[in-house]
Amino acid sequence: MNGLKKILGRSAAALMMTAMMAPHSNAEAITLGYVVASMKIPYNVATRNGFEAAAREAGVTTIVLDPDGSVEKQAAAVDELLAKGVDGIGFLPMDSMMGQAWSEKSAAMNIPNVSIAVQIGDSKTRDLRDVYPTLSALVTTDDVATGFRAGELSVRLLPPGRVAKIAIVEGAAGYSAVTQRTKGFIQALEKAGANYEIVEALPSDWTPESGMKLCKDMIAKTPDLDLIFSQADDMALGCARSIQASGSKVKLMSTGGGSTAGNDAVAKGEFDGSVCTRPALLGRLMFKVLFEGATNPKAQKAQFITYDSVPITKDTLQNCPPEW
């Protein structure tokens, strides 16, 4: 049976940090690897920062490789770390299905492995908490929950008495978060009995530039849009510029929030809201799982590890200090 571990609130997270900082007699002999997706994405950089900070506190050596947004380079980077004989490996997979092979290969070599921020396996058929069995853990934001919270905030913004027109700026194709955030968003709308139509849902590359272009095109195609749901703050930052330039009155809701720029945009009213994510904490939690696996052969497998996400509005910004 899969292990289930949930971090509830900041006090529990603080206790987790204290446990991670405890010295270990074998720490200096351990090397842990991490393959990010792309260091051009600030969120990914924050996961690395959290991972490396926790490793420094424990006296553990790390190797971090950047495949620069290429799935082929990411696969090669995983193979490189395995060939180096690392004691544990984490990856932020650009393709959820390909991540299965990396996990299986690591497990076959008895190397603890963690997927961070992205579910391994087919997210359309596999529940988020049904962790792929060869993983030591899936350490992630609950993307269904963050989508749901964004949907709850959005319901308040929809016009009464008619069908609301909604467009979705998705993340990049292949990421499990894309289907999960949309799933949660729609669940919230349905639960509230909202009268709505999804008129368009298009993939981005997770950048402000792609968000700006997509929203410009969406507004031009459907001038009477009521709401745009962006699956991350980075795209919403670009989207906000297109909304301002067009003079549109469309509402803008985001998730995957908690960046300095995103929080500033909420404070200025450029976003109508977002949902807090904590990438640096994810990096620290990934380190903890890998360190446990490297030092304890009986360490728990197939764990699901997450944290509580909170909504971000002008009134609740203090609940989500930015981590990137």
C-alpha atoms as a PDB file:
ATOM      1  CA  MET A   1       0.000   0.000   0.000  1.00  0.00           C
ATOM      2  CA  ASN A   2       1.261   3.463  -0.849  1.00  0.00           C
ATOM      3  CA  GLY A   3       2.512   5.629   1.978  1.00  0.00           C
ATOM      4  CA  LEU A   4       0.607   8.863   2.522  1.00  0.00           C
ATOM      5  CA  LYS A   5       2.271  11.814   4.174  1.00  0.00           C
ATOM      6  CA  LYS A   6       0.792  15.309   4.131  1.00  0.00           C
ATOM      7  CA  ILE A   7       2.387  18.452   5.519  1.00  0.00           C
ATOM      8  CA  LEU A   8      -0.336  20.482   7.217  1.00  0.00           C
ATOM      9  CA  GLY A   9       0.389  24.129   7.868  1.00  0.00           C
ATOM     10  CA  ARG A  10       3.592  26.044   8.485  1.00  0.00           C
ATOM     11  CA  SER A  11       4.260  24.642  11.962  1.00  0.00           C
ATOM     12  CA  ALA A  12       4.455  21.110  10.582  1.00  0.00           C
ATOM     13  CA  ALA A  13       6.669  22.342   7.761  1.00  0.00           C
ATOM     14  CA  ALA A  14       8.961  23.976  10.308  1.00  0.00           C
ATOM     15  CA  LEU A  15       9.288  20.701  12.187  1.00  0.00           C
ATOM     16  CA  MET A  16      10.146  18.981   8.914  1.00  0.00           C
ATOM     17  CA  MET A  17      12.901  21.507   8.276  1.00  0.00           C
ATOM     18  CA  THR A  18      14.352  20.910  11.731  1.00  0.00           C
ATOM     19  CA  ALA A  19      14.448  17.171  11.126  1.00  0.00           C
ATOM     20  CA  MET A  20      16.218  17.696   7.802  1.00  0.00           C
ATOM     21  CA  MET A  21      18.910  19.819   9.403  1.00  0.00           C
ATOM     22  CA  ALA A  22      19.894  17.135  11.910  1.00  0.00           C
ATOM     23  CA  PRO A  23      23.462  15.871  11.251  1.00  0.00           C
ATOM     24  CA  HIS A  24      24.058  12.300  10.084  1.00  0.00           C
ATOM     25  CA  SER A  25      27.269  10.345  10.439  1.00  0.00           C
ATOM     26  CA  ASN A  26      27.160   9.191   6.787  1.00  0.00           C
ATOM     27  CA  ALA A  27      26.190  12.536   5.262  1.00  0.00           C
ATOM     28  CA  GLU A  28      29.602  13.415   3.802  1.00  0.00           C
ATOM     29  CA  ALA A  29      29.756  10.106   1.927  1.00  0.00           C
ATOM     30  CA  ILE A  30      26.414  10.664   0.190  1.00  0.00           C
ATOM     31  CA  THR A  31      25.858  12.231  -3.222  1.00  0.00           C
ATOM     32  CA  LEU A  32      22.357  13.032  -4.422  1.00  0.00           C
ATOM     33  CA  GLY A  33      21.447  14.068  -7.953  1.00  0.00           C
ATOM     34  CA  TYR A  34      18.655  16.216  -9.355  1.00  0.00           C
ATOM     35  CA  VAL A  35      17.632  16.696 -12.988  1.00  0.00           C
ATOM     36  CA  VAL A  36      15.438  19.770 -13.392  1.00  0.00           C
ATOM     37  CA  ALA A  37      13.319  20.446 -16.483  1.00  0.00           C
ATOM     38  CA  SER A  38      14.735  23.851 -17.382  1.00  0.00           C
ATOM     39  CA  MET A  39      16.575  26.407 -15.312  1.00  0.00           C
ATOM     40  CA  LYS A  40      15.005  29.103 -17.470  1.00  0.00           C
ATOM     41  CA  ILE A  41      11.800  28.629 -15.466  1.00  0.00           C
ATOM     42  CA  PRO A  42      12.017  30.451 -12.090  1.00  0.00           C
ATOM     43  CA  TYR A  43       9.805  27.851 -10.382  1.00  0.00           C
ATOM     44  CA  ASN A  44      12.308  25.129 -11.281  1.00  0.00           C
ATOM     45  CA  VAL A  45      15.174  27.228  -9.971  1.00  0.00           C
ATOM     46  CA  ALA A  46      13.340  27.522  -6.652  1.00  0.00           C
ATOM     47  CA  THR A  47      13.046  23.729  -6.367  1.00  0.00           C
ATOM     48  CA  ARG A  48      16.785  23.460  -6.937  1.00  0.00           C
ATOM     49  CA  ASN A  49      17.483  26.144  -4.351  1.00  0.00           C
ATOM     50  CA  GLY A  50      15.429  24.317  -1.735  1.00  0.00           C
ATOM     51  CA  PHE A  51      17.104  20.993  -2.542  1.00  0.00           C
ATOM     52  CA  GLU A  52      20.622  22.409  -2.389  1.00  0.00           C
ATOM     53  CA  ALA A  53      19.946  24.419   0.781  1.00  0.00           C
ATOM     54  CA  ALA A  54      18.732  21.313   2.622  1.00  0.00           C
ATOM     55  CA  ALA A  55      21.741  19.341   1.360  1.00  0.00           C
ATOM     56  CA  ARG A  56      24.200  21.996   2.564  1.00  0.00           C
ATOM     57  CA  GLU A  57      22.588  21.993   5.994  1.00  0.00           C
ATOM     58  CA  ALA A  58      23.030  18.213   6.188  1.00  0.00           C
ATOM     59  CA  GLY A  59      26.541  18.166   4.708  1.00  0.00           C
ATOM     60  CA  VAL A  60      25.509  16.192   1.617  1.00  0.00           C
ATOM     61  CA  THR A  61      27.045  16.571  -1.854  1.00  0.00           C
ATOM     62  CA  THR A  62      24.682  17.295  -4.749  1.00  0.00           C
ATOM     63  CA  ILE A  63      24.868  17.181  -8.551  1.00  0.00           C
ATOM     64  CA  VAL A  64      22.233  19.230 -10.387  1.00  0.00           C
ATOM     65  CA  LEU A  65      21.869  18.905 -14.165  1.00  0.00           C
ATOM     66  CA  ASP A  66      19.882  21.193 -16.461  1.00  0.00           C
ATOM     67  CA  PRO A  67      18.556  19.656 -19.707  1.00  0.00           C
ATOM     68  CA  ASP A  68      17.423  23.100 -20.874  1.00  0.00           C
ATOM     69  CA  GLY A  69      13.874  22.071 -21.690  1.00  0.00           C
ATOM     70  CA  SER A  70      14.784  19.039 -23.831  1.00  0.00           C
ATOM     71  CA  VAL A  71      13.217  15.670 -23.000  1.00  0.00           C
ATOM     72  CA  GLU A  72      16.051  13.889 -24.806  1.00  0.00           C
ATOM     73  CA  LYS A  73      18.674  15.777 -22.791  1.00  0.00           C
ATOM     74  CA  GLN A  74      16.734  15.062 -19.611  1.00  0.00           C
ATOM     75  CA  ALA A  75      16.790  11.328 -20.317  1.00  0.00           C
ATOM     76  CA  ALA A  76      20.532  11.519 -20.974  1.00  0.00           C
ATOM     77  CA  ALA A  77      21.059  13.478 -17.745  1.00  0.00           C
ATOM     78  CA  VAL A  78      19.239  10.801 -15.718  1.00  0.00           C
ATOM     79  CA  ASP A  79      21.465   8.148 -17.312  1.00  0.00           C
ATOM     80  CA  GLU A  80      24.547  10.254 -16.532  1.00  0.00           C
ATOM     81  CA  LEU A  81      23.678  10.487 -12.845  1.00  0.00           C
ATOM     82  CA  LEU A  82      22.951   6.773 -12.620  1.00  0.00           C
ATOM     83  CA  ALA A  83      26.291   6.032 -14.293  1.00  0.00           C
ATOM     84  CA  LYS A  84      28.035   8.260 -11.744  1.00  0.00           C
ATOM     85  CA  GLY A  85      26.599   6.065  -8.994  1.00  0.00           C
ATOM     86  CA  VAL A  86      24.635   8.702  -7.101  1.00  0.00           C
ATOM     87  CA  ASP A  87      22.978   7.525  -3.888  1.00  0.00           C
ATOM     88  CA  GLY A  88      19.618   8.998  -4.842  1.00  0.00           C
ATOM     89  CA  ILE A  89      18.109  10.832  -7.788  1.00  0.00           C
ATOM     90  CA  GLY A  90      15.301  13.337  -8.186  1.00  0.00           C
ATOM     91  CA  PHE A  91      13.785  14.571 -11.426  1.00  0.00           C
ATOM     92  CA  LEU A  92      11.185  17.093 -12.548  1.00  0.00           C
ATOM     93  CA  PRO A  93      10.033  15.209 -15.653  1.00  0.00           C
ATOM     94  CA  MET A  94       8.889  17.067 -18.748  1.00  0.00           C
ATOM     95  CA  ASP A  95       6.973  13.977 -19.816  1.00  0.00           C
ATOM     96  CA  SER A  96       5.001  12.049 -17.207  1.00  0.00           C
ATOM     97  CA  MET A  97       5.048   8.819 -19.205  1.00  0.00           C
ATOM     98  CA  MET A  98       8.791   8.879 -19.897  1.00  0.00           C
ATOM     99  CA  GLY A  99       9.363   9.430 -16.198  1.00  0.00           C
ATOM    100  CA  GLN A 100       8.148   5.876 -15.626  1.00  0.00           C
ATOM    101  CA  ALA A 101      11.212   4.460 -17.396  1.00  0.00           C
ATOM    102  CA  TRP A 102      13.575   6.650 -15.376  1.00  0.00           C
ATOM    103  CA  SER A 103      11.978   5.543 -12.115  1.00  0.00           C
ATOM    104  CA  GLU A 104      12.035   1.875 -13.092  1.00  0.00           C
ATOM    105  CA  LYS A 105      15.681   2.081 -14.159  1.00  0.00           C
ATOM    106  CA  SER A 106      16.672   3.761 -10.886  1.00  0.00           C
ATOM    107  CA  ALA A 107      14.750   1.261  -8.765  1.00  0.00           C
ATOM    108  CA  ALA A 108      16.311  -1.666 -10.644  1.00  0.00           C
ATOM    109  CA  MET A 109      19.697  -0.303  -9.505  1.00  0.00           C
ATOM    110  CA  ASN A 110      18.374   0.072  -5.929  1.00  0.00           C
ATOM    111  CA  ILE A 111      18.735   3.834  -6.155  1.00  0.00           C
ATOM    112  CA  PRO A 112      16.043   5.879  -4.350  1.00  0.00           C
ATOM    113  CA  ASN A 113      14.210   8.113  -6.796  1.00  0.00           C
ATOM    114  CA  VAL A 114      11.745  10.963  -6.457  1.00  0.00           C
ATOM    115  CA  SER A 115       9.572  12.761  -8.958  1.00  0.00           C
ATOM    116  CA  ILE A 116       9.093  16.363  -7.924  1.00  0.00           C
ATOM    117  CA  ALA A 117       6.140  18.543  -8.984  1.00  0.00           C
ATOM    118  CA  VAL A 118       5.014  16.156 -11.749  1.00  0.00           C
ATOM    119  CA  GLN A 119       3.070  12.907 -11.478  1.00  0.00           C
ATOM    120  CA  ILE A 120       4.596   9.787 -13.029  1.00  0.00           C
ATOM    121  CA  GLY A 121       2.242   7.771 -15.227  1.00  0.00           C
ATOM    122  CA  ASP A 122      -0.886   8.670 -17.169  1.00  0.00           C
ATOM    123  CA  SER A 123      -2.609  11.418 -15.185  1.00  0.00           C
ATOM    124  CA  LYS A 124      -5.815  10.816 -17.152  1.00  0.00           C
ATOM    125  CA  THR A 125      -6.193   7.297 -15.760  1.00  0.00           C
ATOM    126  CA  ARG A 126      -4.068   7.321 -12.586  1.00  0.00           C
ATOM    127  CA  ASP A 127      -5.146   9.131  -9.430  1.00  0.00           C
ATOM    128  CA  LEU A 128      -2.598  11.673  -8.212  1.00  0.00           C
ATOM    129  CA  ARG A 129      -2.208   9.840  -4.906  1.00  0.00           C
ATOM    130  CA  ASP A 130      -1.709   6.480  -6.604  1.00  0.00           C
ATOM    131  CA  VAL A 131       2.066   6.895  -6.627  1.00  0.00           C
ATOM    132  CA  TYR A 132       3.997   4.959  -9.248  1.00  0.00           C
ATOM    133  CA  PRO A 133       5.293   1.893  -7.367  1.00  0.00           C
ATOM    134  CA  THR A 134       9.007   2.195  -8.216  1.00  0.00           C
ATOM    135  CA  LEU A 135       9.198   5.771  -6.890  1.00  0.00           C
ATOM    136  CA  SER A 136      10.422   6.445  -3.388  1.00  0.00           C
ATOM    137  CA  ALA A 137       7.965   9.335  -3.416  1.00  0.00           C
ATOM    138  CA  LEU A 138       6.009  11.783  -5.467  1.00  0.00           C
ATOM    139  CA  VAL A 139       6.730  15.161  -3.868  1.00  0.00           C
ATOM    140  CA  THR A 140       4.305  17.617  -5.349  1.00  0.00           C
ATOM    141  CA  THR A 141       1.789  20.358  -5.055  1.00  0.00           C
ATOM    142  CA  ASP A 142      -1.697  18.833  -5.174  1.00  0.00           C
ATOM    143  CA  ASP A 143      -2.536  20.278  -8.576  1.00  0.00           C
ATOM    144  CA  VAL A 144      -6.145  19.122  -8.491  1.00  0.00           C
ATOM    145  CA  ALA A 145      -6.561  21.007  -5.207  1.00  0.00           C
ATOM    146  CA  THR A 146      -4.900  24.181  -6.511  1.00  0.00           C
ATOM    147  CA  GLY A 147      -7.132  24.087  -9.588  1.00  0.00           C
ATOM    148  CA  PHE A 148     -10.143  23.642  -7.331  1.00  0.00           C
ATOM    149  CA  ARG A 149      -9.183  26.638  -5.192  1.00  0.00           C
ATOM    150  CA  ALA A 150      -8.756  28.757  -8.318  1.00  0.00           C
ATOM    151  CA  GLY A 151     -12.204  27.621  -9.430  1.00  0.00           C
ATOM    152  CA  GLU A 152     -13.702  28.594  -6.087  1.00  0.00           C
ATOM    153  CA  LEU A 153     -12.245  32.082  -6.422  1.00  0.00           C
ATOM    154  CA  SER A 154     -13.425  32.302 -10.039  1.00  0.00           C
ATOM    155  CA  VAL A 155     -17.055  31.482  -9.264  1.00  0.00           C
ATOM    156  CA  ARG A 156     -17.376  34.805  -7.440  1.00  0.00           C
ATOM    157  CA  LEU A 157     -16.230  36.664 -10.557  1.00  0.00           C
ATOM    158  CA  LEU A 158     -18.634  35.142 -13.091  1.00  0.00           C
ATOM    159  CA  PRO A 159     -21.581  37.213 -14.344  1.00  0.00           C
ATOM    160  CA  PRO A 160     -25.035  36.234 -13.074  1.00  0.00           C
ATOM    161  CA  GLY A 161     -27.978  35.366 -15.268  1.00  0.00           C
ATOM    162  CA  ARG A 162     -26.151  34.118 -18.357  1.00  0.00           C
ATOM    163  CA  VAL A 163     -23.550  31.642 -19.608  1.00  0.00           C
ATOM    164  CA  ALA A 164     -20.058  32.817 -18.667  1.00  0.00           C
ATOM    165  CA  LYS A 165     -17.357  32.470 -21.320  1.00  0.00           C
ATOM    166  CA  ILE A 166     -14.082  31.071 -19.965  1.00  0.00           C
ATOM    167  CA  ALA A 167     -10.727  30.468 -21.672  1.00  0.00           C
ATOM    168  CA  ILE A 168      -7.841  28.462 -20.204  1.00  0.00           C
ATOM    169  CA  VAL A 169      -4.131  29.128 -20.665  1.00  0.00           C
ATOM    170  CA  GLU A 170      -2.635  25.700 -20.026  1.00  0.00           C
ATOM    171  CA  GLY A 171       0.894  24.725 -19.150  1.00  0.00           C
ATOM    172  CA  ALA A 172       3.066  22.825 -21.603  1.00  0.00           C
ATOM    173  CA  ALA A 173       1.774  19.621 -23.182  1.00  0.00           C
ATOM    174  CA  GLY A 174       2.939  16.436 -21.468  1.00  0.00           C
ATOM    175  CA  TYR A 175       2.856  17.784 -17.906  1.00  0.00           C
ATOM    176  CA  SER A 176       0.392  16.029 -15.602  1.00  0.00           C
ATOM    177  CA  ALA A 177      -0.348  19.379 -13.922  1.00  0.00           C
ATOM    178  CA  VAL A 178      -2.148  20.531 -17.072  1.00  0.00           C
ATOM    179  CA  THR A 179      -4.950  17.975 -16.819  1.00  0.00           C
ATOM    180  CA  GLN A 180      -4.991  18.064 -13.014  1.00  0.00           C
ATOM    181  CA  ARG A 181      -5.340  21.841 -12.647  1.00  0.00           C
ATOM    182  CA  THR A 182      -8.104  21.932 -15.234  1.00  0.00           C
ATOM    183  CA  LYS A 183      -9.807  18.986 -13.537  1.00  0.00           C
ATOM    184  CA  GLY A 184      -9.858  20.750 -10.165  1.00  0.00           C
ATOM    185  CA  PHE A 185     -10.954  24.046 -11.709  1.00  0.00           C
ATOM    186  CA  ILE A 186     -13.943  22.453 -13.435  1.00  0.00           C
ATOM    187  CA  GLN A 187     -14.842  20.463 -10.321  1.00  0.00           C
ATOM    188  CA  ALA A 188     -15.166  23.722  -8.380  1.00  0.00           C
ATOM    189  CA  LEU A 189     -17.336  25.314 -11.070  1.00  0.00           C
ATOM    190  CA  GLU A 190     -19.592  22.266 -11.177  1.00  0.00           C
ATOM    191  CA  LYS A 191     -19.860  22.082  -7.396  1.00  0.00           C
ATOM    192  CA  ALA A 192     -20.978  25.718  -7.309  1.00  0.00           C
ATOM    193  CA  GLY A 193     -23.534  25.144 -10.059  1.00  0.00           C
ATOM    194  CA  ALA A 194     -21.882  27.743 -12.274  1.00  0.00           C
ATOM    195  CA  ASN A 195     -23.388  28.468 -15.690  1.00  0.00           C
ATOM    196  CA  TYR A 196     -20.334  28.506 -17.961  1.00  0.00           C
ATOM    197  CA  GLU A 197     -18.744  27.457 -21.229  1.00  0.00           C
ATOM    198  CA  ILE A 198     -15.052  26.694 -21.819  1.00  0.00           C
ATOM    199  CA  VAL A 199     -14.617  28.390 -25.194  1.00  0.00           C
ATOM    200  CA  GLU A 200     -10.902  27.662 -25.591  1.00  0.00           C
ATOM    201  CA  ALA A 201      -8.027  25.878 -23.834  1.00  0.00           C
ATOM    202  CA  LEU A 202      -4.559  26.233 -25.367  1.00  0.00           C
ATOM    203  CA  PRO A 203      -1.071  25.080 -24.262  1.00  0.00           C
ATOM    204  CA  SER A 204       1.741  27.478 -23.394  1.00  0.00           C
ATOM    205  CA  ASP A 205       5.428  26.910 -22.660  1.00  0.00           C
ATOM    206  CA  TRP A 206       5.051  28.169 -19.053  1.00  0.00           C
ATOM    207  CA  THR A 207       6.497  31.618 -19.901  1.00  0.00           C
ATOM    208  CA  PRO A 208       5.049  35.160 -19.692  1.00  0.00           C
ATOM    209  CA  GLU A 209       5.701  35.596 -23.412  1.00  0.00           C
ATOM    210  CA  SER A 210       3.512  32.631 -24.331  1.00  0.00           C
ATOM    211  CA  GLY A 211       0.802  33.799 -21.923  1.00  0.00           C
ATOM    212  CA  MET A 212       0.819  37.251 -23.487  1.00  0.00           C
ATOM    213  CA  LYS A 213       0.409  35.881 -27.021  1.00  0.00           C
ATOM    214  CA  LEU A 214      -2.262  33.338 -26.102  1.00  0.00           C
ATOM    215  CA  CYS A 215      -4.360  35.884 -24.222  1.00  0.00           C
ATOM    216  CA  LYS A 216      -4.019  38.439 -26.998  1.00  0.00           C
ATOM    217  CA  ASP A 217      -5.358  35.870 -29.467  1.00  0.00           C
ATOM    218  CA  MET A 218      -8.100  34.686 -27.099  1.00  0.00           C
ATOM    219  CA  ILE A 219      -9.397  38.207 -26.529  1.00  0.00           C
ATOM    220  CA  ALA A 220      -9.323  38.960 -30.260  1.00  0.00           C
ATOM    221  CA  LYS A 221     -11.208  35.763 -31.050  1.00  0.00           C
ATOM    222  CA  THR A 222     -13.762  36.138 -28.221  1.00  0.00           C
ATOM    223  CA  PRO A 223     -14.005  39.843 -27.269  1.00  0.00           C
ATOM    224  CA  ASP A 224     -16.735  39.158 -24.702  1.00  0.00           C
ATOM    225  CA  LEU A 225     -14.690  36.682 -22.660  1.00  0.00           C
ATOM    226  CA  ASP A 226     -15.633  36.798 -18.990  1.00  0.00           C
ATOM    227  CA  LEU A 227     -12.671  35.029 -17.403  1.00  0.00           C
ATOM    228  CA  ILE A 228      -9.261  33.642 -18.316  1.00  0.00           C
ATOM    229  CA  PHE A 229      -7.830  30.900 -16.115  1.00  0.00           C
ATOM    230  CA  SER A 230      -4.046  30.689 -16.294  1.00  0.00           C
ATOM    231  CA  GLN A 231      -2.454  27.515 -14.993  1.00  0.00           C
ATOM    232  CA  ALA A 232       0.552  29.410 -13.601  1.00  0.00           C
ATOM    233  CA  ASP A 233       1.486  32.925 -12.546  1.00  0.00           C
ATOM    234  CA  ASP A 234       4.208  33.231 -15.189  1.00  0.00           C
ATOM    235  CA  MET A 235       1.709  33.014 -18.061  1.00  0.00           C
ATOM    236  CA  ALA A 236      -0.733  35.212 -16.160  1.00  0.00           C
ATOM    237  CA  LEU A 237       1.914  37.969 -15.979  1.00  0.00           C
ATOM    238  CA  GLY A 238       2.038  38.081 -19.771  1.00  0.00           C
ATOM    239  CA  CYS A 239      -1.714  37.683 -20.026  1.00  0.00           C
ATOM    240  CA  ALA A 240      -2.243  40.717 -17.793  1.00  0.00           C
ATOM    241  CA  ARG A 241      -0.243  42.830 -20.241  1.00  0.00           C
ATOM    242  CA  SER A 242      -2.458  41.725 -23.132  1.00  0.00           C
ATOM    243  CA  ILE A 243      -5.608  42.462 -21.148  1.00  0.00           C
ATOM    244  CA  GLN A 244      -4.363  45.935 -20.293  1.00  0.00           C
ATOM    245  CA  ALA A 245      -3.295  46.648 -23.886  1.00  0.00           C
ATOM    246  CA  SER A 246      -6.645  45.536 -25.307  1.00  0.00           C
ATOM    247  CA  GLY A 247      -8.776  47.418 -22.805  1.00  0.00           C
ATOM    248  CA  SER A 248     -10.707  44.199 -22.127  1.00  0.00           C
ATOM    249  CA  LYS A 249     -12.697  43.826 -18.911  1.00  0.00           C
ATOM    250  CA  VAL A 250     -12.048  40.070 -18.740  1.00  0.00           C
ATOM    251  CA  LYS A 251     -11.208  38.745 -15.276  1.00  0.00           C
ATOM    252  CA  LEU A 252      -7.888  36.931 -14.773  1.00  0.00           C
ATOM    253  CA  MET A 253      -7.478  34.020 -12.364  1.00  0.00           C
ATOM    254  CA  SER A 254      -4.255  32.083 -11.873  1.00  0.00           C
ATOM    255  CA  THR A 255      -2.877  29.155  -9.956  1.00  0.00           C
ATOM    256  CA  GLY A 256       0.679  27.952  -9.476  1.00  0.00           C
ATOM    257  CA  GLY A 257       1.228  31.236  -7.657  1.00  0.00           C
ATOM    258  CA  GLY A 258       3.449  32.540  -4.897  1.00  0.00           C
ATOM    259  CA  SER A 259       6.174  34.250  -6.917  1.00  0.00           C
ATOM    260  CA  THR A 260       7.304  37.778  -6.078  1.00  0.00           C
ATOM    261  CA  ALA A 261       6.084  39.068  -9.450  1.00  0.00           C
ATOM    262  CA  GLY A 262       2.790  37.197  -9.167  1.00  0.00           C
ATOM    263  CA  ASN A 263       2.065  38.437  -5.667  1.00  0.00           C
ATOM    264  CA  ASP A 264       2.859  41.983  -6.771  1.00  0.00           C
ATOM    265  CA  ALA A 265       0.396  41.597  -9.653  1.00  0.00           C
ATOM    266  CA  VAL A 266      -2.340  40.464  -7.247  1.00  0.00           C
ATOM    267  CA  ALA A 267      -1.581  43.421  -4.964  1.00  0.00           C
ATOM    268  CA  LYS A 268      -1.894  45.829  -7.918  1.00  0.00           C
ATOM    269  CA  GLY A 269      -5.126  44.242  -9.137  1.00  0.00           C
ATOM    270  CA  GLU A 270      -3.577  42.892 -12.354  1.00  0.00           C
ATOM    271  CA  PHE A 271      -4.704  39.393 -11.318  1.00  0.00           C
ATOM    272  CA  ASP A 272      -8.004  38.797  -9.566  1.00  0.00           C
ATOM    273  CA  GLY A 273      -6.426  35.969  -7.566  1.00  0.00           C
ATOM    274  CA  SER A 274      -4.100  32.980  -7.560  1.00  0.00           C
ATOM    275  CA  VAL A 275      -3.221  29.931  -5.447  1.00  0.00           C
ATOM    276  CA  CYS A 276      -0.040  29.573  -3.403  1.00  0.00           C
ATOM    277  CA  THR A 277       2.618  27.047  -4.381  1.00  0.00           C
ATOM    278  CA  ARG A 278       5.914  26.423  -2.588  1.00  0.00           C
ATOM    279  CA  PRO A 279       8.642  25.103  -4.908  1.00  0.00           C
ATOM    280  CA  ALA A 280      11.520  25.660  -2.482  1.00  0.00           C
ATOM    281  CA  LEU A 281       9.700  23.583   0.118  1.00  0.00           C
ATOM    282  CA  LEU A 282       9.208  20.847  -2.475  1.00  0.00           C
ATOM    283  CA  GLY A 283      12.966  20.835  -3.080  1.00  0.00           C
ATOM    284  CA  ARG A 284      13.635  20.439   0.623  1.00  0.00           C
ATOM    285  CA  LEU A 285      11.100  17.649   0.943  1.00  0.00           C
ATOM    286  CA  MET A 286      12.637  15.854  -2.039  1.00  0.00           C
ATOM    287  CA  PHE A 287      16.011  16.027  -0.318  1.00  0.00           C
ATOM    288  CA  LYS A 288      14.548  14.534   2.845  1.00  0.00           C
ATOM    289  CA  VAL A 289      13.076  11.529   1.009  1.00  0.00           C
ATOM    290  CA  LEU A 290      16.270  10.878  -0.960  1.00  0.00           C
ATOM    291  CA  PHE A 291      18.445  11.215   2.133  1.00  0.00           C
ATOM    292  CA  GLU A 292      16.242   8.774   4.039  1.00  0.00           C
ATOM    293  CA  GLY A 293      16.366   6.324   1.157  1.00  0.00           C
ATOM    294  CA  ALA A 294      20.145   6.590   0.891  1.00  0.00           C
ATOM    295  CA  THR A 295      20.691   5.971   4.611  1.00  0.00           C
ATOM    296  CA  ASN A 296      17.896   3.523   5.404  1.00  0.00           C
ATOM    297  CA  PRO A 297      17.335   0.439   3.214  1.00  0.00           C
ATOM    298  CA  LYS A 298      13.912   0.014   4.848  1.00  0.00           C
ATOM    299  CA  ALA A 299      12.764   3.525   3.996  1.00  0.00           C
ATOM    300  CA  GLN A 300       9.134   3.786   2.915  1.00  0.00           C
ATOM    301  CA  LYS A 301       8.383   3.550  -0.810  1.00  0.00           C
ATOM    302  CA  ALA A 302       5.707   5.086  -3.059  1.00  0.00           C
ATOM    303  CA  GLN A 303       4.974   7.934  -0.675  1.00  0.00           C
ATOM    304  CA  PHE A 304       2.706  10.835  -1.614  1.00  0.00           C
ATOM    305  CA  ILE A 305       4.027  14.027  -0.051  1.00  0.00           C
ATOM    306  CA  THR A 306       2.347  17.397  -0.404  1.00  0.00           C
ATOM    307  CA  TYR A 307       1.407  20.514   1.570  1.00  0.00           C
ATOM    308  CA  ASP A 308      -1.611  22.748   2.003  1.00  0.00           C
ATOM    309  CA  SER A 309      -2.154  25.355  -0.713  1.00  0.00           C
ATOM    310  CA  VAL A 310      -3.916  28.586   0.189  1.00  0.00           C
ATOM    311  CA  PRO A 311      -5.756  31.066  -2.052  1.00  0.00           C
ATOM    312  CA  ILE A 312      -4.073  34.379  -2.832  1.00  0.00           C
ATOM    313  CA  THR A 313      -6.075  37.590  -2.950  1.00  0.00           C
ATOM    314  CA  LYS A 314      -5.245  41.157  -1.988  1.00  0.00           C
ATOM    315  CA  ASP A 315      -6.498  40.325   1.503  1.00  0.00           C
ATOM    316  CA  THR A 316      -4.492  37.095   1.956  1.00  0.00           C
ATOM    317  CA  LEU A 317      -1.084  37.907   0.456  1.00  0.00           C
ATOM    318  CA  GLN A 318       0.534  37.616   3.863  1.00  0.00           C
ATOM    319  CA  ASN A 319      -0.315  33.887   3.886  1.00  0.00           C
ATOM    320  CA  CYS A 320       1.940  33.189   0.904  1.00  0.00           C
ATOM    321  CA  PRO A 321       5.437  34.664   1.260  1.00  0.00           C
ATOM    322  CA  PRO A 322       7.087  34.317  -2.180  1.00  0.00           C
ATOM    323  CA  GLU A 323       9.674  31.565  -2.653  1.00  0.00           C
ATOM    324  CA  TRP A 324      10.879  32.681  -6.080  1.00  0.00           C
END
